Each structure stands twice: as C-alpha cells, then as structure tokens.
C-alpha cells in the first residue's frame, strides 16, 4: 500500500508541476507601460509595447512625473520592466485616483487574458498623505464586471521628495485572472474590447500624489485547460492522504 501511495503521490506532484507549467508557458505580453518616454502632456499614456493588431490605452490619473518611477525591474511580480528608466503615473485623491485600461482585439484571432500586473507606491510627505488603497475590477466583452481585488491601509513607501531614485522599490501587484473569471470572461474575440479599472481610493489629506508604474497585461491564443483545477485539487488530495497515511 505504501508503495502505491508513494507512486500515486509522485504522479500527482508531477501532474501538479505540469499544470503550473501549462498555465504559464503559453502566455505572451499583450501590452505594457514602463518608461513613458513617449509621454506628452495629458492623461492618455502610450504603450511601451503592444502586441501586433491589439490596441490598448490608459486614461485617468494626474499625469506623469519623470522624477518618480519603480526600479524593481518587474511588472508586479513578473520580471522584465526597465528599472533604469524613471517615470510613473500620479494618482491623487483631489483630482483622480482612477486609471482605466482599455484593451481591444483586432488580431483576427481569439485571445484569452491571463494576468494583469502593476507596481504601486503610496506616498507620504511629512504630514501629507497620498492614496494608499488598491481596488481592481474587470469588465468583460459582454459588459459584466468582476471585482478582482480590494485592499486598504497599504504602507507608505515613498516618504520624501528627496531621494526619489533610491526610493523606487514599489510594491508589486499581480493577478492570475483565471482565479477570478470563467473562460467566457477571459475571452476576447476579434473586434471586442475589455476594461480594467484600478481605483486607488482616497487619502487622509488629498494634497500628495501616489505613484503607479510598470503595468502589464498578458494573454494567450490557447484556451486555458479546464482540467487544470481538477489536477491541482486531485494532487492536493492525494498528497494529504499520503501524509496522513505515513503518520
């Protein structure tokens, strides 16, 4: 019996690893915002990278400050951002704390969204405070809206106007969308548009801006495996059974 359990457990763990690999291997970058080198006055921010025949835009916020910027080298938890280039979108409670990301598929193919990622740094200067909340929602191609995340009371990372280059270690936020959405919700057919809304809330005093940087959306033309969740659950059940048996 122990031999059978060992074999089953090993097979389940292998399946678990395969499931994780399959979930991420097909993902490609659809759009990201990193350096803001093409930024012009206003509140529309051109992409640094855009998948061919996709269109993407960000509106809202207070504009870009070239003195700020995340230097983590990641989009949320995903490596690849250019940490050597500064610049970040400002969000401020007395003007606008909302960023709206609109993505339109013009590729002629069906895409499935995989993740949304970004860096955020609440800012405090003396007794003045910027927004320090994050709420992420998603509106699919059929107009249905799903709340992805909501957090309040985040720590203030940047606490001065002095050493801004050194204070670029923003917090990363990454969301695997299959954890929140059905296959239908993840799907963007040719000609369809979807929207992410990032709401950074209000602040105790609306006289300081907080910063958002390194925004990335990923997706794939591969349909997410419906069996992946079952494999993960099955692996977990067998592992628990194995550990209990050994006791």
C-alpha atoms as a PDB file:
ATOM      1  CA  UNK A   1       0.000   0.000   0.000  1.00  0.00           C
ATOM      2  CA  UNK A   2       2.811   2.419   0.877  1.00  0.00           C
ATOM      3  CA  UNK A   3       4.427   1.742  -2.482  1.00  0.00           C
ATOM      4  CA  UNK A   4       1.152   2.517  -4.257  1.00  0.00           C
ATOM      5  CA  UNK A   5       0.701   5.714  -2.267  1.00  0.00           C
ATOM      6  CA  UNK A   6       4.251   6.800  -2.982  1.00  0.00           C
ATOM      7  CA  UNK A   7       3.735   6.233  -6.703  1.00  0.00           C
ATOM      8  CA  UNK A   8       0.371   7.996  -6.710  1.00  0.00           C
ATOM      9  CA  UNK A   9       1.715  10.920  -4.745  1.00  0.00           C
ATOM     10  CA  UNK A  10       4.702  11.278  -7.058  1.00  0.00           C
ATOM     11  CA  UNK A  11       2.454  11.138 -10.120  1.00  0.00           C
ATOM     12  CA  UNK A  12       0.160  13.754  -8.643  1.00  0.00           C
ATOM     13  CA  UNK A  13       3.035  16.081  -7.832  1.00  0.00           C
ATOM     14  CA  UNK A  14       4.374  15.660 -11.370  1.00  0.00           C
ATOM     15  CA  UNK A  15       0.912  16.489 -12.692  1.00  0.00           C
ATOM     16  CA  UNK A  16       0.825  19.491 -10.395  1.00  0.00           C
ATOM     17  CA  UNK A  17       4.100  20.767 -11.820  1.00  0.00           C
ATOM     18  CA  UNK A  18       2.894  20.128 -15.350  1.00  0.00           C
ATOM     19  CA  UNK A  19      -0.316  22.032 -14.675  1.00  0.00           C
ATOM     20  CA  UNK A  20       1.578  25.051 -13.412  1.00  0.00           C
ATOM     21  CA  UNK A  21       3.892  24.935 -16.440  1.00  0.00           C
ATOM     22  CA  UNK A  22       0.995  24.623 -18.856  1.00  0.00           C
ATOM     23  CA  UNK A  23      -0.761  27.560 -17.268  1.00  0.00           C
ATOM     24  CA  UNK A  24       2.145  29.925 -17.846  1.00  0.00           C
ATOM     25  CA  UNK A  25       4.099  28.601 -20.851  1.00  0.00           C
ATOM     26  CA  UNK A  26       1.694  29.949 -23.475  1.00  0.00           C
ATOM     27  CA  UNK A  27       1.306  33.475 -22.052  1.00  0.00           C
ATOM     28  CA  UNK A  28       2.559  36.413 -24.103  1.00  0.00           C
ATOM     29  CA  UNK A  29       2.769  40.101 -23.336  1.00  0.00           C
ATOM     30  CA  UNK A  30      -0.200  41.906 -24.851  1.00  0.00           C
ATOM     31  CA  UNK A  31       0.564  45.441 -23.652  1.00  0.00           C
ATOM     32  CA  UNK A  32       2.768  47.172 -21.133  1.00  0.00           C
ATOM     33  CA  UNK A  33       3.602  50.640 -19.868  1.00  0.00           C
ATOM     34  CA  UNK A  34       7.092  51.118 -18.444  1.00  0.00           C
ATOM     35  CA  UNK A  35       9.248  54.104 -19.359  1.00  0.00           C
ATOM     36  CA  UNK A  36       6.741  56.754 -20.560  1.00  0.00           C
ATOM     37  CA  UNK A  37       9.398  58.079 -22.940  1.00  0.00           C
ATOM     38  CA  UNK A  38       6.670  58.953 -25.455  1.00  0.00           C
ATOM     39  CA  UNK A  39       4.599  60.731 -22.846  1.00  0.00           C
ATOM     40  CA  UNK A  40       3.072  64.082 -23.802  1.00  0.00           C
ATOM     41  CA  UNK A  41       1.025  66.441 -21.667  1.00  0.00           C
ATOM     42  CA  UNK A  42      -2.361  64.977 -20.851  1.00  0.00           C
ATOM     43  CA  UNK A  43      -3.787  61.872 -19.258  1.00  0.00           C
ATOM     44  CA  UNK A  44      -3.531  59.314 -22.072  1.00  0.00           C
ATOM     45  CA  UNK A  45      -0.430  57.148 -21.850  1.00  0.00           C
ATOM     46  CA  UNK A  46       1.016  55.390 -24.949  1.00  0.00           C
ATOM     47  CA  UNK A  47       2.209  51.813 -24.518  1.00  0.00           C
ATOM     48  CA  UNK A  48       5.891  50.879 -24.436  1.00  0.00           C
ATOM     49  CA  UNK A  49       4.940  47.549 -26.008  1.00  0.00           C
ATOM     50  CA  UNK A  50       1.797  46.444 -27.810  1.00  0.00           C
ATOM     51  CA  UNK A  51       1.094  43.066 -29.434  1.00  0.00           C
ATOM     52  CA  UNK A  52       0.570  43.454 -33.179  1.00  0.00           C
ATOM     53  CA  UNK A  53      -3.032  44.375 -34.104  1.00  0.00           C
ATOM     54  CA  UNK A  54      -4.066  44.891 -30.488  1.00  0.00           C
ATOM     55  CA  UNK A  55      -4.935  48.373 -29.247  1.00  0.00           C
ATOM     56  CA  UNK A  56      -4.578  49.498 -25.647  1.00  0.00           C
ATOM     57  CA  UNK A  57      -4.878  52.727 -23.703  1.00  0.00           C
ATOM     58  CA  UNK A  58      -4.767  54.057 -20.164  1.00  0.00           C
ATOM     59  CA  UNK A  59      -6.752  57.121 -19.176  1.00  0.00           C
ATOM     60  CA  UNK A  60      -7.120  58.899 -15.832  1.00  0.00           C
ATOM     61  CA  UNK A  61      -4.727  59.825 -13.106  1.00  0.00           C
ATOM     62  CA  UNK A  62      -2.958  63.156 -12.819  1.00  0.00           C
ATOM     63  CA  UNK A  63      -0.280  62.771 -15.483  1.00  0.00           C
ATOM     64  CA  UNK A  64       3.313  61.523 -15.426  1.00  0.00           C
ATOM     65  CA  UNK A  65       6.130  62.710 -13.185  1.00  0.00           C
ATOM     66  CA  UNK A  66       9.517  61.932 -14.701  1.00  0.00           C
ATOM     67  CA  UNK A  67      11.235  62.145 -11.296  1.00  0.00           C
ATOM     68  CA  UNK A  68       9.417  59.124  -9.947  1.00  0.00           C
ATOM     69  CA  UNK A  69       9.417  55.506 -11.116  1.00  0.00           C
ATOM     70  CA  UNK A  70       9.559  51.911  -9.953  1.00  0.00           C
ATOM     71  CA  UNK A  71      13.055  50.451 -10.021  1.00  0.00           C
ATOM     72  CA  UNK A  72      12.058  46.889  -9.113  1.00  0.00           C
ATOM     73  CA  UNK A  73      12.690  45.528 -12.622  1.00  0.00           C
ATOM     74  CA  UNK A  74       9.306  43.790 -12.548  1.00  0.00           C
ATOM     75  CA  UNK A  75       5.734  44.279 -13.702  1.00  0.00           C
ATOM     76  CA  UNK A  76       4.069  43.409 -10.430  1.00  0.00           C
ATOM     77  CA  UNK A  77       5.712  40.021  -9.829  1.00  0.00           C
ATOM     78  CA  UNK A  78       6.679  39.461 -13.493  1.00  0.00           C
ATOM     79  CA  UNK A  79      10.315  40.176 -14.457  1.00  0.00           C
ATOM     80  CA  UNK A  80      11.103  42.406 -17.409  1.00  0.00           C
ATOM     81  CA  UNK A  81      10.483  46.062 -16.596  1.00  0.00           C
ATOM     82  CA  UNK A  82      13.238  48.554 -17.404  1.00  0.00           C
ATOM     83  CA  UNK A  83      14.231  49.684 -13.939  1.00  0.00           C
ATOM     84  CA  UNK A  84      16.838  52.149 -15.235  1.00  0.00           C
ATOM     85  CA  UNK A  85      14.193  54.464 -16.710  1.00  0.00           C
ATOM     86  CA  UNK A  86      12.129  56.552 -14.353  1.00  0.00           C
ATOM     87  CA  UNK A  87       8.619  57.911 -14.756  1.00  0.00           C
ATOM     88  CA  UNK A  88       5.319  56.997 -13.119  1.00  0.00           C
ATOM     89  CA  UNK A  89       1.630  57.866 -13.383  1.00  0.00           C
ATOM     90  CA  UNK A  90       0.442  60.026 -10.479  1.00  0.00           C
ATOM     91  CA  UNK A  91      -2.847  59.308  -8.689  1.00  0.00           C
ATOM     92  CA  UNK A  92      -4.245  61.892  -6.299  1.00  0.00           C
ATOM     93  CA  UNK A  93      -7.469  61.998  -4.332  1.00  0.00           C
ATOM     94  CA  UNK A  94      -8.287  65.624  -5.072  1.00  0.00           C
ATOM     95  CA  UNK A  95      -8.062  65.100  -8.846  1.00  0.00           C
ATOM     96  CA  UNK A  96      -8.223  61.467  -9.941  1.00  0.00           C
ATOM     97  CA  UNK A  97      -7.348  58.149  -8.378  1.00  0.00           C
ATOM     98  CA  UNK A  98      -8.848  56.077 -11.182  1.00  0.00           C
ATOM     99  CA  UNK A  99      -6.898  54.510 -14.048  1.00  0.00           C
ATOM    100  CA  UNK A 100      -8.907  52.859 -16.825  1.00  0.00           C
ATOM    101  CA  UNK A 101      -7.120  50.346 -19.064  1.00  0.00           C
ATOM    102  CA  UNK A 102      -8.956  49.504 -22.285  1.00  0.00           C
ATOM    103  CA  UNK A 103      -7.819  46.611 -24.478  1.00  0.00           C
ATOM    104  CA  UNK A 104      -9.240  45.885 -27.956  1.00  0.00           C
ATOM    105  CA  UNK A 105      -8.509  42.774 -30.007  1.00  0.00           C
ATOM    106  CA  UNK A 106      -8.062  43.424 -33.738  1.00  0.00           C
ATOM    107  CA  UNK A 107      -5.826  40.430 -34.450  1.00  0.00           C
ATOM    108  CA  UNK A 108      -8.388  38.265 -36.239  1.00  0.00           C
ATOM    109  CA  UNK A 109      -7.863  35.609 -33.537  1.00  0.00           C
ATOM    110  CA  UNK A 110      -9.478  34.847 -30.208  1.00  0.00           C
ATOM    111  CA  UNK A 111      -7.381  35.710 -27.171  1.00  0.00           C
ATOM    112  CA  UNK A 112      -7.730  34.656 -23.545  1.00  0.00           C
ATOM    113  CA  UNK A 113      -6.486  37.022 -20.858  1.00  0.00           C
ATOM    114  CA  UNK A 114      -4.074  35.529 -18.325  1.00  0.00           C
ATOM    115  CA  UNK A 115      -2.922  38.282 -15.948  1.00  0.00           C
ATOM    116  CA  UNK A 116      -2.871  41.946 -15.024  1.00  0.00           C
ATOM    117  CA  UNK A 117       0.194  43.303 -13.204  1.00  0.00           C
ATOM    118  CA  UNK A 118       1.405  46.672 -11.895  1.00  0.00           C
ATOM    119  CA  UNK A 119       3.581  48.422  -9.302  1.00  0.00           C
ATOM    120  CA  UNK A 120       2.138  50.909  -6.791  1.00  0.00           C
ATOM    121  CA  UNK A 121       3.803  53.196  -4.251  1.00  0.00           C
ATOM    122  CA  UNK A 122       1.694  55.108  -1.710  1.00  0.00           C
ATOM    123  CA  UNK A 123       3.487  58.367  -0.888  1.00  0.00           C
ATOM    124  CA  UNK A 124       3.745  60.413   2.290  1.00  0.00           C
ATOM    125  CA  UNK A 125       5.493  63.778   2.622  1.00  0.00           C
ATOM    126  CA  UNK A 126       5.678  64.998   6.240  1.00  0.00           C
ATOM    127  CA  UNK A 127       2.034  65.091   7.385  1.00  0.00           C
ATOM    128  CA  UNK A 128       0.611  64.918   3.874  1.00  0.00           C
ATOM    129  CA  UNK A 129      -0.631  61.600   2.510  1.00  0.00           C
ATOM    130  CA  UNK A 130      -1.442  60.233  -0.907  1.00  0.00           C
ATOM    131  CA  UNK A 131      -3.905  57.424  -1.702  1.00  0.00           C
ATOM    132  CA  UNK A 132      -2.949  54.057  -0.175  1.00  0.00           C
ATOM    133  CA  UNK A 133      -5.671  51.668  -1.354  1.00  0.00           C
ATOM    134  CA  UNK A 134      -5.990  49.362  -4.349  1.00  0.00           C
ATOM    135  CA  UNK A 135      -9.220  48.105  -5.909  1.00  0.00           C
ATOM    136  CA  UNK A 136      -9.045  46.211  -9.210  1.00  0.00           C
ATOM    137  CA  UNK A 137     -12.111  45.415 -11.294  1.00  0.00           C
ATOM    138  CA  UNK A 138     -12.579  43.959 -14.762  1.00  0.00           C
ATOM    139  CA  UNK A 139     -15.348  44.447 -17.319  1.00  0.00           C
ATOM    140  CA  UNK A 140     -15.536  41.686 -19.924  1.00  0.00           C
ATOM    141  CA  UNK A 141     -16.564  41.941 -23.573  1.00  0.00           C
ATOM    142  CA  UNK A 142     -20.235  41.351 -22.660  1.00  0.00           C
ATOM    143  CA  UNK A 143     -20.281  44.170 -20.115  1.00  0.00           C
ATOM    144  CA  UNK A 144     -20.124  42.027 -16.972  1.00  0.00           C
ATOM    145  CA  UNK A 145     -17.956  43.459 -14.194  1.00  0.00           C
ATOM    146  CA  UNK A 146     -15.946  41.345 -11.713  1.00  0.00           C
ATOM    147  CA  UNK A 147     -14.172  42.626  -8.608  1.00  0.00           C
ATOM    148  CA  UNK A 148     -10.626  41.225  -8.670  1.00  0.00           C
ATOM    149  CA  UNK A 149      -9.138  42.722  -5.503  1.00  0.00           C
ATOM    150  CA  UNK A 150      -9.661  45.371  -2.836  1.00  0.00           C
ATOM    151  CA  UNK A 151      -7.064  46.400  -0.248  1.00  0.00           C
ATOM    152  CA  UNK A 152      -6.882  49.388   2.080  1.00  0.00           C
ATOM    153  CA  UNK A 153      -4.327  50.775   4.519  1.00  0.00           C
ATOM    154  CA  UNK A 154      -1.255  49.938   2.422  1.00  0.00           C
ATOM    155  CA  UNK A 155       2.114  51.036   3.817  1.00  0.00           C
ATOM    156  CA  UNK A 156       3.550  54.342   2.638  1.00  0.00           C
ATOM    157  CA  UNK A 157       6.712  53.514   0.681  1.00  0.00           C
ATOM    158  CA  UNK A 158       7.996  56.879  -0.506  1.00  0.00           C
ATOM    159  CA  UNK A 159       8.251  59.332   2.384  1.00  0.00           C
ATOM    160  CA  UNK A 160      10.047  62.354   0.972  1.00  0.00           C
ATOM    161  CA  UNK A 161      10.742  64.428  -2.129  1.00  0.00           C
ATOM    162  CA  UNK A 162      14.491  63.978  -1.786  1.00  0.00           C
ATOM    163  CA  UNK A 163      15.999  60.610  -2.618  1.00  0.00           C
ATOM    164  CA  UNK A 164      13.412  59.504  -5.173  1.00  0.00           C
ATOM    165  CA  UNK A 165      15.803  57.303  -7.163  1.00  0.00           C
ATOM    166  CA  UNK A 166      16.671  55.300  -4.066  1.00  0.00           C
ATOM    167  CA  UNK A 167      13.026  55.053  -3.042  1.00  0.00           C
ATOM    168  CA  UNK A 168      11.883  53.195  -6.125  1.00  0.00           C
ATOM    169  CA  UNK A 169      11.111  49.798  -4.578  1.00  0.00           C
ATOM    170  CA  UNK A 170       7.390  49.835  -5.275  1.00  0.00           C
ATOM    171  CA  UNK A 171       5.033  47.054  -4.149  1.00  0.00           C
ATOM    172  CA  UNK A 172       4.096  44.603  -6.895  1.00  0.00           C
ATOM    173  CA  UNK A 173       0.511  43.518  -7.625  1.00  0.00           C
ATOM    174  CA  UNK A 174      -0.081  40.522  -9.942  1.00  0.00           C
ATOM    175  CA  UNK A 175      -3.382  38.771 -10.574  1.00  0.00           C
ATOM    176  CA  UNK A 176      -3.889  35.478 -12.430  1.00  0.00           C
ATOM    177  CA  UNK A 177      -7.289  36.153 -13.988  1.00  0.00           C
ATOM    178  CA  UNK A 178      -8.334  32.503 -14.292  1.00  0.00           C
ATOM    179  CA  UNK A 179      -8.645  32.525 -10.491  1.00  0.00           C
ATOM    180  CA  UNK A 180     -11.482  35.055 -10.764  1.00  0.00           C
ATOM    181  CA  UNK A 181     -13.077  34.636 -14.196  1.00  0.00           C
ATOM    182  CA  UNK A 182     -14.743  31.935 -16.269  1.00  0.00           C
ATOM    183  CA  UNK A 183     -13.411  31.001 -19.718  1.00  0.00           C
ATOM    184  CA  UNK A 184     -16.139  33.202 -21.223  1.00  0.00           C
ATOM    185  CA  UNK A 185     -14.982  36.118 -19.085  1.00  0.00           C
ATOM    186  CA  UNK A 186     -11.352  35.643 -20.129  1.00  0.00           C
ATOM    187  CA  UNK A 187     -12.225  35.506 -23.832  1.00  0.00           C
ATOM    188  CA  UNK A 188     -11.712  38.444 -26.202  1.00  0.00           C
ATOM    189  CA  UNK A 189     -12.979  37.714 -29.697  1.00  0.00           C
ATOM    190  CA  UNK A 190     -11.765  39.703 -32.662  1.00  0.00           C
ATOM    191  CA  UNK A 191     -13.275  43.207 -32.535  1.00  0.00           C
ATOM    192  CA  UNK A 192     -14.143  43.016 -28.823  1.00  0.00           C
ATOM    193  CA  UNK A 193     -12.899  45.253 -26.010  1.00  0.00           C
ATOM    194  CA  UNK A 194     -12.394  44.716 -22.278  1.00  0.00           C
ATOM    195  CA  UNK A 195     -11.586  47.146 -19.474  1.00  0.00           C
ATOM    196  CA  UNK A 196      -9.598  47.057 -16.236  1.00  0.00           C
ATOM    197  CA  UNK A 197     -10.252  49.725 -13.625  1.00  0.00           C
ATOM    198  CA  UNK A 198      -7.600  50.470 -10.999  1.00  0.00           C
ATOM    199  CA  UNK A 199      -9.024  52.562  -8.172  1.00  0.00           C
ATOM    200  CA  UNK A 200      -6.530  53.833  -5.605  1.00  0.00           C
ATOM    201  CA  UNK A 201      -9.140  55.280  -3.262  1.00  0.00           C
ATOM    202  CA  UNK A 202      -8.977  58.447  -1.227  1.00  0.00           C
ATOM    203  CA  UNK A 203      -6.404  59.782   1.219  1.00  0.00           C
ATOM    204  CA  UNK A 204      -6.499  61.418   4.665  1.00  0.00           C
ATOM    205  CA  UNK A 205      -5.289  64.618   3.013  1.00  0.00           C
ATOM    206  CA  UNK A 206      -5.659  64.973  -0.738  1.00  0.00           C
ATOM    207  CA  UNK A 207      -2.539  67.043  -1.294  1.00  0.00           C
ATOM    208  CA  UNK A 208       0.076  64.410  -2.251  1.00  0.00           C
ATOM    209  CA  UNK A 209       0.186  62.054  -5.221  1.00  0.00           C
ATOM    210  CA  UNK A 210       0.976  58.356  -5.046  1.00  0.00           C
ATOM    211  CA  UNK A 211       2.578  56.538  -7.998  1.00  0.00           C
ATOM    212  CA  UNK A 212       1.670  53.704 -10.384  1.00  0.00           C
ATOM    213  CA  UNK A 213       4.201  52.178 -12.787  1.00  0.00           C
ATOM    214  CA  UNK A 214       5.157  49.042 -14.774  1.00  0.00           C
ATOM    215  CA  UNK A 215       1.687  47.984 -15.929  1.00  0.00           C
ATOM    216  CA  UNK A 216       1.425  44.713 -17.889  1.00  0.00           C
ATOM    217  CA  UNK A 217      -1.402  42.635 -19.377  1.00  0.00           C
ATOM    218  CA  UNK A 218      -0.713  39.103 -20.629  1.00  0.00           C
ATOM    219  CA  UNK A 219      -2.809  36.650 -22.602  1.00  0.00           C
ATOM    220  CA  UNK A 220      -2.755  33.704 -24.980  1.00  0.00           C
ATOM    221  CA  UNK A 221      -4.460  32.203 -28.018  1.00  0.00           C
ATOM    222  CA  UNK A 222      -4.519  28.887 -26.142  1.00  0.00           C
ATOM    223  CA  UNK A 223      -7.717  28.034 -24.297  1.00  0.00           C
ATOM    224  CA  UNK A 224      -6.970  27.583 -20.582  1.00  0.00           C
ATOM    225  CA  UNK A 225      -7.157  23.892 -19.694  1.00  0.00           C
ATOM    226  CA  UNK A 226     -10.476  23.180 -17.915  1.00  0.00           C
ATOM    227  CA  UNK A 227      -8.826  20.168 -16.250  1.00  0.00           C
ATOM    228  CA  UNK A 228      -6.071  22.211 -14.616  1.00  0.00           C
ATOM    229  CA  UNK A 229      -8.063  22.952 -11.468  1.00  0.00           C
ATOM    230  CA  UNK A 230      -9.092  19.318 -11.167  1.00  0.00           C
ATOM    231  CA  UNK A 231      -5.474  18.225 -11.482  1.00  0.00           C
ATOM    232  CA  UNK A 232      -4.381  20.655  -8.783  1.00  0.00           C
ATOM    233  CA  UNK A 233      -7.163  19.581  -6.424  1.00  0.00           C
ATOM    234  CA  UNK A 234      -6.510  15.912  -7.091  1.00  0.00           C
ATOM    235  CA  UNK A 235      -2.799  16.323  -6.426  1.00  0.00           C
ATOM    236  CA  UNK A 236      -3.524  18.111  -3.171  1.00  0.00           C
ATOM    237  CA  UNK A 237      -5.981  15.433  -2.005  1.00  0.00           C
ATOM    238  CA  UNK A 238      -3.544  12.605  -2.733  1.00  0.00           C
ATOM    239  CA  UNK A 239      -0.699  14.444  -1.024  1.00  0.00           C
ATOM    240  CA  UNK A 240      -2.790  14.960   2.115  1.00  0.00           C
ATOM    241  CA  UNK A 241      -3.842  11.309   2.059  1.00  0.00           C
ATOM    242  CA  UNK A 242      -0.216  10.238   1.692  1.00  0.00           C
ATOM    243  CA  UNK A 243       0.957  12.385   4.600  1.00  0.00           C
ATOM    244  CA  UNK A 244      -1.853  11.152   6.845  1.00  0.00           C
ATOM    245  CA  UNK A 245      -1.104   7.548   5.914  1.00  0.00           C
ATOM    246  CA  UNK A 246       2.541   7.926   6.879  1.00  0.00           C
ATOM    247  CA  UNK A 247       1.540   9.097  10.357  1.00  0.00           C
END
